[in-house]
C-alpha atoms as a PDB file:
ATOM      1  CA  MET A   1       5.327  20.998  -6.823  1.00  0.00           C
ATOM      2  CA  LEU A   2       3.063  22.180  -4.031  1.00  0.00           C
ATOM      3  CA  ALA A   3       5.129  20.318  -1.450  1.00  0.00           C
ATOM      4  CA  ASP A   4       8.181  22.342  -2.441  1.00  0.00           C
ATOM      5  CA  ILE A   5       6.697  25.831  -2.494  1.00  0.00           C
ATOM      6  CA  ALA A   6       3.748  25.870  -0.079  1.00  0.00           C
ATOM      7  CA  GLY A   7       3.806  27.613   3.289  1.00  0.00           C
ATOM      8  CA  THR A   8       6.540  29.495   5.060  1.00  0.00           C
ATOM      9  CA  LYS A   9      10.181  28.523   5.277  1.00  0.00           C
ATOM     10  CA  VAL A  10       9.514  27.333   8.817  1.00  0.00           C
ATOM     11  CA  ASP A  11       6.661  25.128   7.624  1.00  0.00           C
ATOM     12  CA  ARG A  12       8.727  23.655   4.821  1.00  0.00           C
ATOM     13  CA  GLN A  13      11.429  22.731   7.317  1.00  0.00           C
ATOM     14  CA  LEU A  14       8.859  21.266   9.704  1.00  0.00           C
ATOM     15  CA  ILE A  15       7.377  19.124   6.948  1.00  0.00           C
ATOM     16  CA  SER A  16      10.816  18.020   5.773  1.00  0.00           C
ATOM     17  CA  ASP A  17      11.870  16.996   9.302  1.00  0.00           C
ATOM     18  CA  TRP A  18       8.616  15.126   9.874  1.00  0.00           C
ATOM     19  CA  CYS A  19       8.881  13.290   6.549  1.00  0.00           C
ATOM     20  CA  ALA A  20      12.424  12.221   7.422  1.00  0.00           C
ATOM     21  CA  TRP A  21      11.056  10.743  10.665  1.00  0.00           C
ATOM     22  CA  LEU A  22       8.089   9.198   8.862  1.00  0.00           C
ATOM     23  CA  ALA A  23      10.326   7.569   6.266  1.00  0.00           C
ATOM     24  CA  THR A  24      11.806   5.300   8.933  1.00  0.00           C
ATOM     25  CA  SER A  25       8.562   3.306   9.007  1.00  0.00           C
ATOM     26  CA  ALA A  26       6.471   4.314   5.965  1.00  0.00           C
ATOM     27  CA  SER A  27       6.860   3.587   2.272  1.00  0.00           C
ATOM     28  CA  PRO A  28       8.127   6.309  -0.093  1.00  0.00           C
ATOM     29  CA  LYS A  29       4.646   6.471  -1.636  1.00  0.00           C
ATOM     30  CA  THR A  30       3.062   7.129   1.768  1.00  0.00           C
ATOM     31  CA  VAL A  31       5.667   9.750   2.621  1.00  0.00           C
ATOM     32  CA  ARG A  32       4.971  11.607  -0.631  1.00  0.00           C
ATOM     33  CA  LEU A  33       1.229  11.579   0.040  1.00  0.00           C
ATOM     34  CA  ARG A  34       1.663  12.819   3.617  1.00  0.00           C
ATOM     35  CA  ARG A  35       4.055  15.542   2.477  1.00  0.00           C
ATOM     36  CA  TYR A  36       1.505  16.755  -0.048  1.00  0.00           C
ATOM     37  CA  GLN A  37      -1.299  16.725   2.516  1.00  0.00           C
ATOM     38  CA  LEU A  38       0.652  18.809   5.028  1.00  0.00           C
ATOM     39  CA  ALA A  39       1.893  21.195   2.341  1.00  0.00           C
ATOM     40  CA  SER A  40      -1.698  21.702   1.203  1.00  0.00           C
ATOM     41  CA  LEU A  41      -2.762  22.507   4.764  1.00  0.00           C
ATOM     42  CA  SER A  42       0.098  24.987   5.183  1.00  0.00           C
ATOM     43  CA  VAL A  43      -1.300  27.051   2.292  1.00  0.00           C
ATOM     44  CA  THR A  44      -4.227  27.994   4.540  1.00  0.00           C
ATOM     45  CA  GLY A  45      -1.966  29.288   7.313  1.00  0.00           C
ATOM     46  CA  PRO A  46       1.167  28.452   9.345  1.00  0.00           C
ATOM     47  CA  LEU A  47       1.073  24.908  10.687  1.00  0.00           C
ATOM     48  CA  ALA A  48       1.873  26.050  14.234  1.00  0.00           C
ATOM     49  CA  ASP A  49      -1.203  28.322  14.176  1.00  0.00           C
ATOM     50  CA  GLN A  50      -3.712  25.651  13.195  1.00  0.00           C
ATOM     51  CA  THR A  51      -6.436  24.924  15.756  1.00  0.00           C
ATOM     52  CA  GLU A  52      -9.034  22.230  16.146  1.00  0.00           C
ATOM     53  CA  ASP A  53     -11.582  24.549  14.546  1.00  0.00           C
ATOM     54  CA  THR A  54      -9.428  25.333  11.521  1.00  0.00           C
ATOM     55  CA  LEU A  55      -8.701  21.640  10.983  1.00  0.00           C
ATOM     56  CA  VAL A  56     -12.386  20.754  11.260  1.00  0.00           C
ATOM     57  CA  ALA A  57     -13.216  23.404   8.662  1.00  0.00           C
ATOM     58  CA  TYR A  58     -10.429  22.218   6.363  1.00  0.00           C
ATOM     59  CA  LEU A  59     -11.341  18.529   6.622  1.00  0.00           C
ATOM     60  CA  GLY A  60     -15.021  19.294   6.121  1.00  0.00           C
ATOM     61  CA  ALA A  61     -14.506  21.288   2.937  1.00  0.00           C
ATOM     62  CA  ARG A  62     -17.143  20.582   0.345  1.00  0.00           C
ATOM     63  CA  GLY A  63     -16.368  17.867  -2.165  1.00  0.00           C
ATOM     64  CA  ARG A  64     -14.051  15.781   0.024  1.00  0.00           C
ATOM     65  CA  SER A  65     -15.026  12.127   0.337  1.00  0.00           C
ATOM     66  CA  PRO A  66     -14.965  10.344   3.718  1.00  0.00           C
ATOM     67  CA  ASN A  67     -11.950   8.323   2.599  1.00  0.00           C
ATOM     68  CA  THR A  68     -10.057  11.490   1.665  1.00  0.00           C
ATOM     69  CA  ARG A  69     -10.917  13.115   5.005  1.00  0.00           C
ATOM     70  CA  LYS A  70      -9.841  10.004   6.880  1.00  0.00           C
ATOM     71  CA  SER A  71      -6.486   9.941   5.090  1.00  0.00           C
ATOM     72  CA  MET A  72      -5.919  13.648   5.728  1.00  0.00           C
ATOM     73  CA  GLN A  73      -6.818  13.302   9.391  1.00  0.00           C
ATOM     74  CA  ALA A  74      -4.320  10.452   9.743  1.00  0.00           C
ATOM     75  CA  ALA A  75      -1.627  12.700   8.294  1.00  0.00           C
ATOM     76  CA  PHE A  76      -2.484  15.564  10.633  1.00  0.00           C
ATOM     77  CA  ARG A  77      -2.611  13.321  13.700  1.00  0.00           C
ATOM     78  CA  SER A  78       0.785  11.874  12.873  1.00  0.00           C
ATOM     79  CA  PHE A  79       2.352  15.248  12.151  1.00  0.00           C
ATOM     80  CA  TYR A  80       1.012  17.119  15.166  1.00  0.00           C
ATOM     81  CA  GLY A  81       1.618  14.177  17.499  1.00  0.00           C
ATOM     82  CA  TRP A  82       5.258  14.146  16.396  1.00  0.00           C
ATOM     83  CA  ALA A  83       5.601  17.938  16.472  1.00  0.00           C
ATOM     84  CA  HIS A  84       4.124  18.169  19.976  1.00  0.00           C
ATOM     85  CA  ARG A  85       6.254  15.337  21.370  1.00  0.00           C
ATOM     86  CA  THR A  86       9.406  16.935  20.019  1.00  0.00           C
ATOM     87  CA  GLY A  87       8.556  20.449  21.212  1.00  0.00           C
ATOM     88  CA  ARG A  88       8.071  21.930  17.769  1.00  0.00           C
ATOM     89  CA  VAL A  89       4.491  23.050  18.502  1.00  0.00           C
ATOM     90  CA  ASP A  90       2.940  23.949  21.849  1.00  0.00           C
ATOM     91  CA  VAL A  91      -0.421  22.262  21.310  1.00  0.00           C
ATOM     92  CA  ASP A  92      -1.644  19.225  19.360  1.00  0.00           C
ATOM     93  CA  PRO A  93      -4.868  20.465  17.693  1.00  0.00           C
ATOM     94  CA  THR A  94      -5.843  16.963  16.558  1.00  0.00           C
ATOM     95  CA  VAL A  95      -6.464  15.561  20.050  1.00  0.00           C
ATOM     96  CA  GLY A  96     -10.179  16.393  20.005  1.00  0.00           C
ATOM     97  CA  LEU A  97     -10.920  15.489  16.404  1.00  0.00           C
ATOM     98  CA  ARG A  98     -13.672  12.925  15.988  1.00  0.00           C
ATOM     99  CA  PRO A  99     -12.790   9.805  13.962  1.00  0.00           C
ATOM    100  CA  VAL A 100     -13.877   9.872  10.338  1.00  0.00           C
ATOM    101  CA  ARG A 101     -16.091   6.988   9.312  1.00  0.00           C
ATOM    102  CA  ALA A 102     -15.014   5.994   5.837  1.00  0.00           C
ATOM    103  CA  SER A 103     -16.715   3.416   3.687  1.00  0.00           C
ATOM    104  CA  PRO A 104     -14.900   0.071   3.549  1.00  0.00           C
ATOM    105  CA  GLY A 105     -12.909  -0.646   0.439  1.00  0.00           C
ATOM    106  CA  VAL A 106     -14.259  -2.825  -2.333  1.00  0.00           C
ATOM    107  CA  PRO A 107     -12.337  -5.921  -3.484  1.00  0.00           C
ATOM    108  CA  LYS A 108     -10.998  -5.444  -6.996  1.00  0.00           C
ATOM    109  CA  PRO A 109      -9.325  -8.713  -7.953  1.00  0.00           C
ATOM    110  CA  LEU A 110      -7.591  -8.883 -11.307  1.00  0.00           C
ATOM    111  CA  PRO A 111      -9.465 -11.398 -13.506  1.00  0.00           C
ATOM    112  CA  ASP A 112      -7.402 -14.282 -14.782  1.00  0.00           C
ATOM    113  CA  ASP A 113      -7.901 -13.291 -18.425  1.00  0.00           C
ATOM    114  CA  ALA A 114      -6.592  -9.792 -17.637  1.00  0.00           C
ATOM    115  CA  TYR A 115      -3.566 -11.332 -15.923  1.00  0.00           C
ATOM    116  CA  GLN A 116      -2.880 -13.574 -18.900  1.00  0.00           C
ATOM    117  CA  GLN A 117      -3.182 -10.591 -21.244  1.00  0.00           C
ATOM    118  CA  ALA A 118      -0.700  -8.577 -19.170  1.00  0.00           C
ATOM    119  CA  TYR A 119       1.664 -11.542 -18.835  1.00  0.00           C
ATOM    120  CA  GLY A 120       1.628 -12.101 -22.568  1.00  0.00           C
ATOM    121  CA  ARG A 121       2.700  -8.560 -23.398  1.00  0.00           C
ATOM    122  CA  ALA A 122       5.313  -8.261 -20.607  1.00  0.00           C
ATOM    123  CA  ASP A 123       9.070  -8.777 -20.815  1.00  0.00           C
ATOM    124  CA  ARG A 124      10.863 -11.318 -18.614  1.00  0.00           C
ATOM    125  CA  GLN A 125      11.446  -8.969 -15.690  1.00  0.00           C
ATOM    126  CA  THR A 126       7.902  -7.635 -15.667  1.00  0.00           C
ATOM    127  CA  ARG A 127       6.510 -11.156 -15.860  1.00  0.00           C
ATOM    128  CA  ALA A 128       8.329 -11.968 -12.635  1.00  0.00           C
ATOM    129  CA  MET A 129       6.826  -8.871 -11.017  1.00  0.00           C
ATOM    130  CA  LEU A 130       3.360  -9.868 -12.175  1.00  0.00           C
ATOM    131  CA  ALA A 131       3.804 -13.407 -10.864  1.00  0.00           C
ATOM    132  CA  LEU A 132       4.951 -12.228  -7.432  1.00  0.00           C
ATOM    133  CA  GLY A 133       1.833 -10.107  -7.090  1.00  0.00           C
ATOM    134  CA  TYR A 134      -0.693 -12.522  -8.588  1.00  0.00           C
ATOM    135  CA  HIS A 135       0.692 -15.846  -7.357  1.00  0.00           C
ATOM    136  CA  ALA A 136       2.174 -14.804  -3.996  1.00  0.00           C
ATOM    137  CA  GLY A 137       0.244 -11.656  -3.038  1.00  0.00           C
ATOM    138  CA  LEU A 138       3.261  -9.420  -2.555  1.00  0.00           C
ATOM    139  CA  ARG A 139       2.993  -5.648  -2.198  1.00  0.00           C
ATOM    140  CA  LEU A 140       4.970  -3.428  -4.586  1.00  0.00           C
ATOM    141  CA  SER A 141       7.574  -2.682  -1.910  1.00  0.00           C
ATOM    142  CA  GLU A 142       7.922  -6.413  -1.220  1.00  0.00           C
ATOM    143  CA  ILE A 143       8.337  -7.262  -4.891  1.00  0.00           C
ATOM    144  CA  ALA A 144      11.037  -4.620  -5.238  1.00  0.00           C
ATOM    145  CA  GLN A 145      13.279  -6.161  -2.576  1.00  0.00           C
ATOM    146  CA  VAL A 146      13.139  -9.883  -3.354  1.00  0.00           C
ATOM    147  CA  HIS A 147      16.659 -11.275  -2.911  1.00  0.00           C
ATOM    148  CA  GLY A 148      18.243 -14.598  -3.757  1.00  0.00           C
ATOM    149  CA  ASP A 149      18.731 -15.302  -0.046  1.00  0.00           C
ATOM    150  CA  ASP A 150      14.956 -15.071   0.450  1.00  0.00           C
ATOM    151  CA  VAL A 151      14.291 -18.220  -1.573  1.00  0.00           C
ATOM    152  CA  ARG A 152      14.366 -21.154   0.829  1.00  0.00           C
ATOM    153  CA  GLY A 153      13.498 -24.268  -1.139  1.00  0.00           C
ATOM    154  CA  ASP A 154       9.789 -24.025  -1.936  1.00  0.00           C
ATOM    155  CA  ARG A 155       9.283 -21.035   0.378  1.00  0.00           C
ATOM    156  CA  LEU A 156       9.857 -17.312  -0.098  1.00  0.00           C
ATOM    157  CA  VAL A 157      10.698 -15.050   2.834  1.00  0.00           C
ATOM    158  CA  VAL A 158       8.836 -11.779   2.287  1.00  0.00           C
ATOM    159  CA  HIS A 159      10.006  -8.574   3.956  1.00  0.00           C
ATOM    160  CA  GLY A 160       6.765  -6.809   4.779  1.00  0.00           C
ATOM    161  CA  LYS A 161       5.547  -3.600   6.369  1.00  0.00           C
ATOM    162  CA  GLY A 162       6.956  -2.606   9.716  1.00  0.00           C
ATOM    163  CA  ALA A 163       9.999  -4.859   9.242  1.00  0.00           C
ATOM    164  CA  LYS A 164       7.737  -7.908   9.667  1.00  0.00           C
ATOM    165  CA  ASP A 165       8.799 -10.938   7.661  1.00  0.00           C
ATOM    166  CA  ARG A 166       6.464 -13.713   6.586  1.00  0.00           C
ATOM    167  CA  VAL A 167       6.854 -16.900   4.583  1.00  0.00           C
ATOM    168  CA  VAL A 168       4.851 -17.581   1.424  1.00  0.00           C
ATOM    169  CA  PRO A 169       4.881 -20.927  -0.410  1.00  0.00           C
ATOM    170  CA  ILE A 170       6.226 -20.820  -3.959  1.00  0.00           C
ATOM    171  CA  ASN A 171       3.676 -22.434  -6.260  1.00  0.00           C
ATOM    172  CA  ALA A 172       4.227 -23.893  -9.712  1.00  0.00           C
ATOM    173  CA  SER A 173       3.311 -20.643 -11.496  1.00  0.00           C
ATOM    174  CA  LEU A 174       5.826 -18.599  -9.503  1.00  0.00           C
ATOM    175  CA  ALA A 175       8.709 -21.082  -9.277  1.00  0.00           C
ATOM    176  CA  PRO A 176      10.163 -20.508 -12.793  1.00  0.00           C
ATOM    177  CA  HIS A 177      10.688 -16.823 -11.968  1.00  0.00           C
ATOM    178  CA  LEU A 178      12.719 -17.552  -8.841  1.00  0.00           C
ATOM    179  CA  LYS A 179      15.178 -20.103 -10.207  1.00  0.00           C
ATOM    180  CA  GLU A 180      18.953 -19.776 -10.086  1.00  0.00           C
ATOM    181  CA  PHE A 181      19.544 -16.136  -9.247  1.00  0.00           C
ATOM    182  CA  THR A 182      21.711 -14.391  -6.677  1.00  0.00           C
ATOM    183  CA  GLY A 183      21.531 -10.901  -5.261  1.00  0.00           C
ATOM    184  CA  TRP A 184      18.501  -8.741  -5.988  1.00  0.00           C
ATOM    185  CA  LEU A 185      15.914 -10.191  -8.348  1.00  0.00           C
ATOM    186  CA  PHE A 186      15.345  -6.641  -9.595  1.00  0.00           C
ATOM    187  CA  PRO A 187      18.621  -4.691  -9.265  1.00  0.00           C
ATOM    188  CA  SER A 188      18.329  -0.943  -9.658  1.00  0.00           C
ATOM    189  CA  PRO A 189      19.527   0.363 -13.038  1.00  0.00           C
ATOM    190  CA  ALA A 190      20.317   3.723 -11.423  1.00  0.00           C
ATOM    191  CA  ARG A 191      21.763   2.768  -8.010  1.00  0.00           C
ATOM    192  CA  PRO A 192      24.444   0.062  -8.214  1.00  0.00           C
ATOM    193  CA  GLY A 193      24.139  -2.505  -5.458  1.00  0.00           C
ATOM    194  CA  GLU A 194      20.553  -1.579  -4.566  1.00  0.00           C
ATOM    195  CA  HIS A 195      17.163  -2.928  -5.576  1.00  0.00           C
ATOM    196  CA  VAL A 196      14.557  -1.054  -7.616  1.00  0.00           C
ATOM    197  CA  SER A 197      11.975   1.189  -5.972  1.00  0.00           C
ATOM    198  CA  PRO A 198       8.282   0.318  -5.502  1.00  0.00           C
ATOM    199  CA  ASP A 199       7.490   3.080  -8.011  1.00  0.00           C
ATOM    200  CA  TYR A 200       9.672   1.332 -10.569  1.00  0.00           C
ATOM    201  CA  VAL A 201       7.712  -1.896 -10.083  1.00  0.00           C
ATOM    202  CA  ASP A 202       4.433   0.014 -10.228  1.00  0.00           C
ATOM    203  CA  ALA A 203       5.346   1.651 -13.535  1.00  0.00           C
ATOM    204  CA  ARG A 204       6.512  -1.584 -15.153  1.00  0.00           C
ATOM    205  CA  VAL A 205       3.421  -3.534 -14.130  1.00  0.00           C
ATOM    206  CA  LYS A 206       0.966  -0.738 -14.856  1.00  0.00           C
ATOM    207  CA  ALA A 207       2.351  -0.440 -18.379  1.00  0.00           C
ATOM    208  CA  VAL A 208       1.147  -3.943 -19.289  1.00  0.00           C
ATOM    209  CA  LEU A 209      -2.092  -4.210 -17.312  1.00  0.00           C
ATOM    210  CA  PRO A 210      -5.328  -3.733 -19.244  1.00  0.00           C
ATOM    211  CA  GLN A 211      -6.903  -0.312 -18.754  1.00  0.00           C
ATOM    212  CA  GLY A 212      -8.981   0.003 -15.603  1.00  0.00           C
ATOM    213  CA  HIS A 213      -6.860  -2.323 -13.466  1.00  0.00           C
ATOM    214  CA  SER A 214      -4.387  -1.184 -10.822  1.00  0.00           C
ATOM    215  CA  THR A 215      -1.205  -2.919  -9.734  1.00  0.00           C
ATOM    216  CA  HIS A 216      -2.832  -3.612  -6.349  1.00  0.00           C
ATOM    217  CA  SER A 217      -5.487  -5.703  -8.111  1.00  0.00           C
ATOM    218  CA  LEU A 218      -2.839  -8.428  -8.445  1.00  0.00           C
ATOM    219  CA  ARG A 219      -2.807  -8.784  -4.654  1.00  0.00           C
ATOM    220  CA  HIS A 220      -6.606  -8.710  -4.526  1.00  0.00           C
ATOM    221  CA  GLY A 221      -6.666 -11.436  -7.161  1.00  0.00           C
ATOM    222  CA  PHE A 222      -4.327 -13.615  -5.120  1.00  0.00           C
ATOM    223  CA  ALA A 223      -6.386 -13.137  -1.954  1.00  0.00           C
ATOM    224  CA  THR A 224      -9.664 -13.916  -3.707  1.00  0.00           C
ATOM    225  CA  ARG A 225      -8.323 -17.083  -5.309  1.00  0.00           C
ATOM    226  CA  VAL A 226      -6.751 -18.362  -2.076  1.00  0.00           C
ATOM    227  CA  TYR A 227      -9.997 -17.816  -0.186  1.00  0.00           C
ATOM    228  CA  ALA A 228     -12.009 -19.532  -2.919  1.00  0.00           C
ATOM    229  CA  ALA A 229      -9.718 -22.552  -2.620  1.00  0.00           C
ATOM    230  CA  THR A 230      -9.524 -22.722   1.193  1.00  0.00           C
ATOM    231  CA  LYS A 231     -12.547 -20.846   2.590  1.00  0.00           C
ATOM    232  CA  ASP A 232     -10.138 -19.893   5.395  1.00  0.00           C
ATOM    233  CA  ILE A 233      -9.824 -16.134   5.884  1.00  0.00           C
ATOM    234  CA  MET A 234      -7.085 -16.636   8.498  1.00  0.00           C
ATOM    235  CA  VAL A 235      -4.885 -18.348   5.927  1.00  0.00           C
ATOM    236  CA  VAL A 236      -5.432 -15.422   3.546  1.00  0.00           C
ATOM    237  CA  ARG A 237      -4.604 -12.958   6.324  1.00  0.00           C
ATOM    238  CA  GLN A 238      -1.382 -14.795   7.091  1.00  0.00           C
ATOM    239  CA  LEU A 239      -0.291 -14.954   3.463  1.00  0.00           C
ATOM    240  CA  LEU A 240      -1.002 -11.249   2.891  1.00  0.00           C
ATOM    241  CA  GLY A 241       0.761 -10.207   6.081  1.00  0.00           C
ATOM    242  CA  HIS A 242      -2.223  -8.357   7.549  1.00  0.00           C
ATOM    243  CA  VAL A 243      -2.618  -7.666  11.255  1.00  0.00           C
ATOM    244  CA  SER A 244      -6.409  -7.488  11.104  1.00  0.00           C
ATOM    245  CA  VAL A 245      -8.864  -9.858   9.433  1.00  0.00           C
ATOM    246  CA  SER A 246     -11.089  -6.854   8.686  1.00  0.00           C
ATOM    247  CA  THR A 247      -8.350  -5.554   6.399  1.00  0.00           C
ATOM    248  CA  THR A 248      -8.121  -8.915   4.665  1.00  0.00           C
ATOM    249  CA  MET A 249     -11.866  -8.940   4.002  1.00  0.00           C
ATOM    250  CA  VAL A 250     -11.462  -5.877   1.776  1.00  0.00           C
ATOM    251  CA  TYR A 251      -9.240  -7.978  -0.513  1.00  0.00           C
ATOM    252  CA  VAL A 252     -11.584 -10.923  -0.978  1.00  0.00           C
ATOM    253  CA  ALA A 253     -14.338 -10.669  -3.580  1.00  0.00           C
ATOM    254  CA  SER A 254     -17.534 -12.564  -2.845  1.00  0.00           C
ATOM    255  CA  ASP A 255     -18.363 -15.677  -4.795  1.00  0.00           C
ATOM    256  CA  ASP A 256     -21.864 -15.212  -6.227  1.00  0.00           C
ATOM    257  CA  ASP A 257     -22.191 -18.894  -7.105  1.00  0.00           C
ATOM    258  CA  ALA A 258     -21.264 -19.923  -3.558  1.00  0.00           C
ATOM    259  CA  ALA A 259     -23.764 -17.446  -2.099  1.00  0.00           C
ATOM    260  CA  LEU A 260     -26.512 -18.798  -4.365  1.00  0.00           C
ATOM    261  CA  ALA A 261     -25.701 -22.381  -3.397  1.00  0.00           C
ATOM    262  CA  ALA A 262     -25.775 -21.473   0.311  1.00  0.00           C
ATOM    263  CA  VAL A 263     -29.190 -19.850   0.039  1.00  0.00           C
ATOM    264  CA  ARG A 264     -30.579 -22.801  -1.894  1.00  0.00           C
ATOM    265  CA  ALA A 265     -29.185 -25.194   0.725  1.00  0.00           C
ATOM    266  CA  VAL A 266     -31.300 -23.638   3.478  1.00  0.00           C
ATOM    267  CA  ALA A 267     -34.454 -23.247   1.400  1.00  0.00           C
END
């Protein structure tokens, strides 16, 4: 892989040390992406020799979308901020970089018929994973670490990003999947005593979803349905575990019928 062979020995060690630091707060999927992004940059020249100009040229390379540039810039800011603070580089070349304006994401909720199709072809374990995403809005990493101790009556304690817990009600569609179990709901088949990885959940769910739908569409589907029922974006934000309402808005698909009714009401 590029992340294993790119750059000098010094750069590979730098990237490895930074990823170890990053892993204390980021998901394995994010760490892999950031590792790849820094390894790709190191192909163009030693990381310690990069300047603001070289980063601007790299980020502005033809064919890169605004969202890709924004993600890359986030990786570079994190890496060079860490490397400068710890004395590994003399200068942080990202200080003067202008923010990248990326287009907002588009809600992609999983339709109910697609969910039912996936649920029908899934085994018992995968059905529970599907239900946690579609009926409780859990992220892959949150699904992976559901434990018997997290079920508190009709509530589920969810261990979210940044070690922030939240509580999600257990509805009638989810309840059968959380009955009478102890320990991890999804114990790792490879690591005794541990839970499965987010990638494991992703692979199991993706294998049964209809083509064209991602595992994250389960969470979008939950958000869209909750908002349709409550018309309260703050409730959706709380249930998803978002810090910002603007993030939550990306998860909620608009209701064309409601928009039409609103326009007719003011005619």
